[in-house]
Amino acid sequence: MKKLAIIFFSVIAIVWLVSLAGRSGAPSPEASTAKAAATQGFADAVSTAVKTSPKWSGIQVDEASGNDYTLVLLYKAMPSSQLEVEHDTKAVMQAVLNELVKQGRNPAKEHIFVTVRAHKPEKGATGQSVVRVFGRSVYDYNNDSITYKPEK
């Protein structure tokens, strides 16, 4: 009787684990493709809305879902100063906020978190790929403002 109870509970545990695996958070290929297309569409809308600089290689969207948006402004040439980086990241941030409002969103009321980082891919002393990080602009939904934070 004891062995039967152990087998019964083992079978229940296995069925439970299989059911959990079946509904794992892994997105379907169609969902992944749709998310990539939406992210690319968002990046295109932001890139079109902001006046780009010849020093930029582009704007990359790392996250664009729900209430979290993280973008990276990629430089191909060195910015002249932190003021230039601040101006550029704030311009991209304003374009992101304008796009969200155009989509019917209210970033302040919805507590949307937005960050625009400024990076420059480079080669290090040993030839390895490295990323120079200049700083970031952050949207503060508490007072509906944009703040720049230089990298130290």
Protein backbone atom coordinates (compact mmCIF):
# COMPACT_ATOMS: atom_id res chain seq x y z
CA MET A 1 0.00 0.00 0.00
CA LYS A 2 2.86 2.37 0.85
CA LYS A 3 4.55 1.64 -2.52
CA LEU A 4 1.28 2.32 -4.32
CA ALA A 5 0.96 5.71 -2.59
CA ILE A 6 4.55 6.63 -3.54
CA ILE A 7 3.94 5.66 -7.18
CA PHE A 8 0.65 7.59 -7.21
CA PHE A 9 2.27 10.78 -5.85
CA SER A 10 5.23 10.37 -8.22
CA VAL A 11 2.89 10.18 -11.20
CA ILE A 12 1.02 13.25 -9.99
CA ALA A 13 4.30 15.15 -9.56
CA ILE A 14 5.46 14.18 -13.06
CA VAL A 15 2.14 15.22 -14.62
CA TRP A 16 2.31 18.53 -12.75
CA LEU A 17 5.89 19.20 -13.92
CA VAL A 18 5.00 18.34 -17.52
CA SER A 19 2.03 20.70 -17.39
CA LEU A 20 4.29 23.48 -16.09
CA ALA A 21 6.78 22.87 -18.89
CA GLY A 22 3.97 22.98 -21.44
CA ARG A 23 2.96 26.45 -20.41
CA SER A 24 6.43 27.88 -19.96
CA GLY A 25 6.99 31.53 -20.78
CA ALA A 26 8.81 30.71 -24.00
CA PRO A 27 7.21 32.76 -26.77
CA SER A 28 6.10 31.11 -29.96
CA PRO A 29 8.07 31.88 -33.13
CA GLU A 30 5.12 33.96 -34.35
CA ALA A 31 5.07 36.01 -31.13
CA SER A 32 8.83 36.56 -31.32
CA THR A 33 8.54 37.72 -34.94
CA ALA A 34 5.65 40.05 -34.08
CA LYS A 35 7.58 41.53 -31.13
CA ALA A 36 10.67 42.07 -33.31
CA ALA A 37 8.56 43.78 -35.97
CA ALA A 38 6.87 46.02 -33.39
CA THR A 39 10.23 46.90 -31.84
CA GLN A 40 11.70 47.70 -35.25
CA GLY A 41 8.63 49.80 -36.09
CA PHE A 42 9.07 51.73 -32.84
CA ALA A 43 12.79 52.27 -33.58
CA ASP A 44 11.97 53.47 -37.11
CA ALA A 45 9.34 55.90 -35.82
CA VAL A 46 11.75 57.34 -33.25
CA SER A 47 14.61 57.56 -35.79
CA THR A 48 12.37 59.35 -38.27
CA ALA A 49 11.14 61.82 -35.65
CA VAL A 50 14.56 62.92 -34.41
CA LYS A 51 17.09 64.93 -36.38
CA THR A 52 20.05 62.59 -36.66
CA SER A 53 23.70 63.54 -36.55
CA PRO A 54 26.42 62.35 -38.95
CA LYS A 55 28.24 61.14 -35.82
CA TRP A 56 25.51 58.57 -35.11
CA SER A 57 25.45 55.07 -36.47
CA GLY A 58 21.87 54.56 -35.35
CA ILE A 59 19.34 54.06 -32.59
CA GLN A 60 18.89 50.58 -31.17
CA VAL A 61 15.83 49.52 -29.18
CA ASP A 62 16.78 47.05 -26.44
CA GLU A 63 13.35 46.96 -24.78
CA ALA A 64 10.00 48.30 -25.97
CA SER A 65 7.16 46.63 -24.17
CA GLY A 66 4.59 47.44 -21.56
CA ASN A 67 5.96 50.23 -19.42
CA ASP A 68 9.69 49.68 -20.07
CA TYR A 69 11.58 51.30 -22.93
CA THR A 70 15.36 51.18 -23.27
CA LEU A 71 17.09 52.63 -26.30
CA VAL A 72 20.75 53.03 -27.18
CA LEU A 73 22.07 55.90 -29.26
CA LEU A 74 25.12 54.49 -31.05
CA TYR A 75 27.91 56.85 -32.05
CA LYS A 76 30.29 56.05 -34.89
CA ALA A 77 32.43 59.15 -34.17
CA MET A 78 33.38 60.64 -30.82
CA PRO A 79 30.99 63.31 -29.54
CA SER A 80 32.71 66.64 -28.88
CA SER A 81 31.56 66.87 -25.24
CA GLN A 82 29.16 65.65 -22.58
CA LEU A 83 26.90 68.54 -23.57
CA GLU A 84 26.57 67.03 -27.05
CA VAL A 85 25.74 63.62 -25.58
CA GLU A 86 23.20 65.22 -23.24
CA HIS A 87 21.58 67.12 -26.13
CA ASP A 88 21.48 64.00 -28.34
CA THR A 89 20.06 61.62 -25.72
CA LYS A 90 17.45 64.18 -24.67
CA ALA A 91 16.42 64.65 -28.33
CA VAL A 92 15.98 60.89 -28.74
CA MET A 93 14.10 60.75 -25.43
CA GLN A 94 11.72 63.49 -26.58
CA ALA A 95 11.10 61.56 -29.80
CA VAL A 96 10.31 58.43 -27.75
CA LEU A 97 7.88 60.33 -25.54
CA ASN A 98 6.24 61.95 -28.57
CA GLU A 99 5.81 58.52 -30.19
CA LEU A 100 4.24 57.10 -27.02
CA VAL A 101 1.81 60.03 -26.83
CA LYS A 102 1.01 59.57 -30.53
CA GLN A 103 0.13 55.95 -29.72
CA GLY A 104 -2.36 57.20 -27.12
CA ARG A 105 -0.16 56.50 -24.11
CA ASN A 106 0.30 58.81 -21.10
CA PRO A 107 3.87 58.24 -19.85
CA ALA A 108 3.41 60.13 -16.56
CA LYS A 109 0.11 58.59 -15.53
CA GLU A 110 1.10 55.09 -16.70
CA HIS A 111 4.48 55.27 -14.89
CA ILE A 112 6.38 54.43 -18.04
CA PHE A 113 10.12 53.99 -17.54
CA VAL A 114 12.26 55.22 -20.45
CA THR A 115 16.05 55.29 -20.70
CA VAL A 116 18.18 56.44 -23.63
CA ARG A 117 21.84 55.44 -23.31
CA ALA A 118 24.74 56.76 -25.40
CA HIS A 119 27.39 54.21 -26.48
CA LYS A 120 30.23 53.92 -28.95
CA PRO A 121 31.43 50.45 -29.98
CA GLU A 122 35.24 50.31 -30.18
CA LYS A 123 38.19 47.95 -30.12
CA GLY A 124 40.14 47.67 -26.89
CA ALA A 125 43.91 47.53 -26.42
CA THR A 126 43.93 43.79 -27.19
CA GLY A 127 41.59 44.05 -30.15
CA GLN A 128 38.54 42.88 -28.24
CA SER A 129 35.20 44.57 -28.85
CA VAL A 130 34.36 47.03 -26.09
CA VAL A 131 31.70 49.67 -25.61
CA ARG A 132 32.43 53.21 -24.48
CA VAL A 133 29.50 54.43 -22.37
CA PHE A 134 28.98 58.20 -22.25
CA GLY A 135 25.80 58.59 -20.19
CA ARG A 136 22.04 58.33 -20.29
CA SER A 137 18.87 60.37 -20.26
CA VAL A 138 16.07 59.10 -18.06
CA TYR A 139 12.39 59.99 -18.09
CA ASP A 140 11.03 60.76 -14.60
CA TYR A 141 7.30 60.09 -14.66
CA ASN A 142 6.89 61.60 -11.17
CA ASN A 143 7.45 65.11 -12.49
CA ASP A 144 7.19 64.48 -16.26
CA SER A 145 10.79 65.52 -16.95
CA ILE A 146 13.98 64.31 -18.62
CA THR A 147 17.24 64.12 -16.67
CA TYR A 148 20.73 63.47 -18.05
CA LYS A 149 23.25 61.42 -16.07
CA PRO A 150 26.84 61.35 -17.36
CA GLU A 151 28.85 58.14 -16.97
CA LYS A 152 31.61 58.46 -14.42
